[in-house]
N, C-alpha and C. Protein backbone atom coordinates (compact mmCIF):
# COMPACT_ATOMS: atom_id res chain seq x y z
N MET A 1 -66.43 16.81 -54.72
CA MET A 1 -65.39 15.35 -54.85
C MET A 1 -65.87 14.83 -53.40
N HIS A 2 -65.88 13.69 -53.45
CA HIS A 2 -66.55 12.78 -51.74
C HIS A 2 -65.88 12.70 -51.08
N ALA A 3 -65.81 12.63 -49.66
CA ALA A 3 -64.70 12.34 -48.56
C ALA A 3 -64.44 11.31 -48.78
N LEU A 4 -64.43 10.21 -49.63
CA LEU A 4 -63.44 8.92 -49.98
C LEU A 4 -63.13 9.38 -50.44
N GLU A 5 -63.44 9.89 -51.59
CA GLU A 5 -62.26 10.12 -52.64
C GLU A 5 -60.58 11.54 -52.85
N ARG A 6 -61.81 12.34 -51.63
CA ARG A 6 -60.47 12.98 -51.00
C ARG A 6 -59.67 12.49 -50.11
N ASP A 7 -59.89 11.13 -49.65
CA ASP A 7 -58.86 10.59 -48.39
C ASP A 7 -57.85 9.89 -49.52
N TYR A 8 -58.45 9.30 -50.50
CA TYR A 8 -57.73 8.63 -51.35
C TYR A 8 -56.62 9.52 -52.51
N LEU A 9 -57.39 10.34 -52.60
CA LEU A 9 -56.02 11.32 -53.50
C LEU A 9 -55.19 12.15 -52.49
N ARG A 10 -55.16 11.99 -51.67
CA ARG A 10 -54.66 12.61 -49.90
C ARG A 10 -53.54 11.46 -49.50
N ARG A 11 -54.16 10.01 -49.76
CA ARG A 11 -53.05 9.07 -49.60
C ARG A 11 -51.90 8.63 -50.56
N LEU A 12 -52.14 8.85 -52.03
CA LEU A 12 -51.25 9.11 -53.16
C LEU A 12 -50.44 9.58 -53.34
N TYR A 13 -51.13 11.30 -53.02
CA TYR A 13 -50.28 12.34 -52.80
C TYR A 13 -49.51 12.37 -51.57
N LEU A 14 -49.88 11.80 -50.45
CA LEU A 14 -48.56 11.71 -49.59
C LEU A 14 -47.88 10.72 -49.92
N GLU A 15 -47.63 9.65 -50.60
CA GLU A 15 -47.10 8.96 -51.22
C GLU A 15 -45.68 8.95 -52.14
N ALA A 16 -47.33 9.90 -53.24
CA ALA A 16 -45.99 10.61 -54.85
C ALA A 16 -45.19 11.35 -53.70
N CYS A 17 -45.25 12.35 -52.93
CA CYS A 17 -44.59 13.58 -52.51
C CYS A 17 -43.64 12.98 -51.29
N HIS A 18 -43.61 11.65 -50.65
CA HIS A 18 -42.97 11.20 -49.69
C HIS A 18 -42.31 9.64 -49.34
N GLY A 19 -43.34 8.94 -50.34
CA GLY A 19 -43.12 7.85 -50.38
C GLY A 19 -41.32 7.17 -50.28
N ALA A 20 -41.36 5.77 -49.56
CA ALA A 20 -39.39 5.44 -49.85
C ALA A 20 -39.60 5.00 -50.89
N GLY A 21 -38.68 5.73 -51.87
CA GLY A 21 -38.15 5.14 -52.89
C GLY A 21 -38.72 5.28 -54.10
N ALA A 22 -37.84 5.49 -55.37
CA ALA A 22 -38.86 6.31 -56.43
C ALA A 22 -39.43 5.41 -57.09
N GLU A 23 -39.44 4.17 -57.17
CA GLU A 23 -41.36 3.13 -57.50
C GLU A 23 -41.91 3.21 -56.63
N PRO A 24 -42.05 3.24 -55.69
CA PRO A 24 -43.76 3.79 -54.73
C PRO A 24 -44.00 5.15 -55.90
N ARG A 25 -43.90 6.46 -55.34
CA ARG A 25 -43.65 7.50 -55.96
C ARG A 25 -44.58 7.35 -57.33
N TRP A 26 -43.66 7.32 -58.67
CA TRP A 26 -44.20 7.12 -59.58
C TRP A 26 -45.17 6.03 -60.04
N GLU A 27 -45.16 4.90 -59.07
CA GLU A 27 -46.55 4.73 -58.71
C GLU A 27 -47.66 5.00 -58.24
N ALA A 28 -47.89 6.14 -57.10
CA ALA A 28 -48.99 6.88 -57.06
C ALA A 28 -49.40 8.11 -57.96
N ARG A 29 -47.86 8.45 -58.14
CA ARG A 29 -47.98 9.07 -59.12
C ARG A 29 -49.33 9.01 -60.48
N HIS A 30 -48.77 7.55 -60.71
CA HIS A 30 -49.33 7.00 -61.70
C HIS A 30 -50.86 6.68 -61.87
N LEU A 31 -51.69 6.82 -60.57
CA LEU A 31 -52.38 6.27 -59.53
C LEU A 31 -53.41 7.48 -60.16
N ILE A 32 -52.37 8.48 -59.48
CA ILE A 32 -53.71 10.00 -59.54
C ILE A 32 -53.47 10.48 -60.87
N GLN A 33 -52.85 10.00 -61.65
CA GLN A 33 -53.25 10.31 -63.46
C GLN A 33 -54.15 9.38 -63.66
N LYS A 34 -54.38 8.25 -63.68
CA LYS A 34 -55.77 7.32 -63.50
C LYS A 34 -57.08 8.07 -62.91
N TRP A 35 -56.56 8.37 -62.37
CA TRP A 35 -57.68 9.31 -61.00
C TRP A 35 -58.54 9.97 -61.91
N LEU A 36 -57.20 11.29 -62.63
CA LEU A 36 -57.67 12.36 -62.88
C LEU A 36 -58.84 12.36 -64.37
N ASP A 37 -57.85 10.83 -65.26
CA ASP A 37 -58.91 10.67 -65.80
C ASP A 37 -60.20 10.28 -65.93
N HIS A 38 -59.86 9.32 -64.73
CA HIS A 38 -61.54 8.51 -64.61
C HIS A 38 -62.84 9.86 -64.72
N ASN A 39 -62.32 10.79 -63.74
CA ASN A 39 -62.95 11.66 -62.92
C ASN A 39 -63.11 12.86 -63.56
N LYS A 40 -62.49 12.64 -64.91
CA LYS A 40 -62.77 14.11 -65.62
C LYS A 40 -61.90 15.52 -65.17
N VAL A 41 -60.74 15.85 -64.85
CA VAL A 41 -60.32 17.02 -63.60
C VAL A 41 -59.66 16.67 -64.29
N THR A 42 -58.55 18.52 -63.74
CA THR A 42 -57.25 18.30 -63.82
C THR A 42 -56.83 18.71 -62.54
N LEU A 43 -55.22 18.11 -62.68
CA LEU A 43 -54.34 18.17 -61.37
C LEU A 43 -55.02 19.50 -60.54
N ARG A 44 -54.91 20.64 -60.78
CA ARG A 44 -55.33 21.50 -60.03
C ARG A 44 -56.44 21.99 -59.56
N GLU A 45 -57.81 21.26 -60.51
CA GLU A 45 -58.94 20.82 -59.83
C GLU A 45 -58.76 20.18 -58.45
N ALA A 46 -58.07 19.43 -59.12
CA ALA A 46 -58.65 17.40 -57.87
C ALA A 46 -58.02 18.44 -56.51
N PHE A 47 -56.72 18.85 -57.12
CA PHE A 47 -55.60 19.56 -55.76
C PHE A 47 -56.23 20.76 -54.78
N GLU A 48 -56.75 21.27 -55.78
CA GLU A 48 -57.67 22.15 -54.71
C GLU A 48 -59.11 22.05 -53.72
N ASN A 49 -59.32 21.36 -54.64
CA ASN A 49 -60.62 21.06 -53.90
C ASN A 49 -60.11 20.15 -52.72
N ALA A 50 -59.07 19.36 -52.90
CA ALA A 50 -58.58 18.63 -51.49
C ALA A 50 -57.61 19.19 -50.36
N ASP A 51 -57.59 20.31 -51.25
CA ASP A 51 -56.36 21.25 -49.97
C ASP A 51 -54.95 20.54 -50.15
N LEU A 52 -54.21 20.67 -51.65
CA LEU A 52 -53.30 19.49 -51.62
C LEU A 52 -51.81 20.60 -52.18
N ASP A 53 -50.83 20.67 -51.64
CA ASP A 53 -49.96 22.15 -52.66
C ASP A 53 -49.44 21.33 -53.93
N MET A 54 -49.54 21.72 -54.95
CA MET A 54 -49.61 21.32 -56.29
C MET A 54 -48.12 21.55 -56.28
N LYS A 55 -47.85 22.44 -55.79
CA LYS A 55 -46.40 22.83 -56.15
C LYS A 55 -45.32 22.28 -55.05
N ASN A 56 -45.82 21.26 -54.05
CA ASN A 56 -44.85 21.23 -53.33
C ASN A 56 -44.78 19.53 -54.19
N TYR A 57 -45.46 18.96 -54.52
CA TYR A 57 -46.53 18.15 -55.86
C TYR A 57 -44.70 17.93 -57.11
N LEU A 58 -45.26 19.10 -57.84
CA LEU A 58 -44.20 18.83 -58.96
C LEU A 58 -42.88 19.07 -58.24
N ALA A 59 -42.32 19.44 -57.29
CA ALA A 59 -41.09 19.73 -56.92
C ALA A 59 -40.67 18.51 -56.59
N SER A 60 -41.93 17.48 -56.04
CA SER A 60 -40.55 16.30 -55.46
C SER A 60 -41.20 15.04 -56.54
N ARG A 61 -40.97 15.30 -57.78
CA ARG A 61 -41.34 14.49 -58.39
C ARG A 61 -39.31 13.66 -58.22
N PRO A 62 -39.78 12.40 -58.07
CA PRO A 62 -38.62 11.84 -58.42
C PRO A 62 -37.81 11.58 -59.81
N ILE A 63 -36.64 11.32 -59.95
CA ILE A 63 -35.59 11.12 -60.67
C ILE A 63 -35.91 9.79 -61.33
N ARG A 64 -35.60 10.00 -62.74
CA ARG A 64 -35.50 8.68 -63.26
C ARG A 64 -34.14 8.15 -63.50
N SER A 65 -33.68 7.23 -63.24
CA SER A 65 -32.33 6.76 -63.41
C SER A 65 -32.09 6.18 -64.54
């Protein structure tokens, strides 16, 4: 993973876990999934490579109303 990709994934991760409101967090998660699909990597592989906490990502999932 290149530095720009890592930075992009980290910015999406921050929004997905700590964004203001459920909608921006869902959108960031959607963009993460699109990025994973495009690059043909798993969430685990991407997060390990970018040094991100997958447990935090999964635990901070917004609640759908």
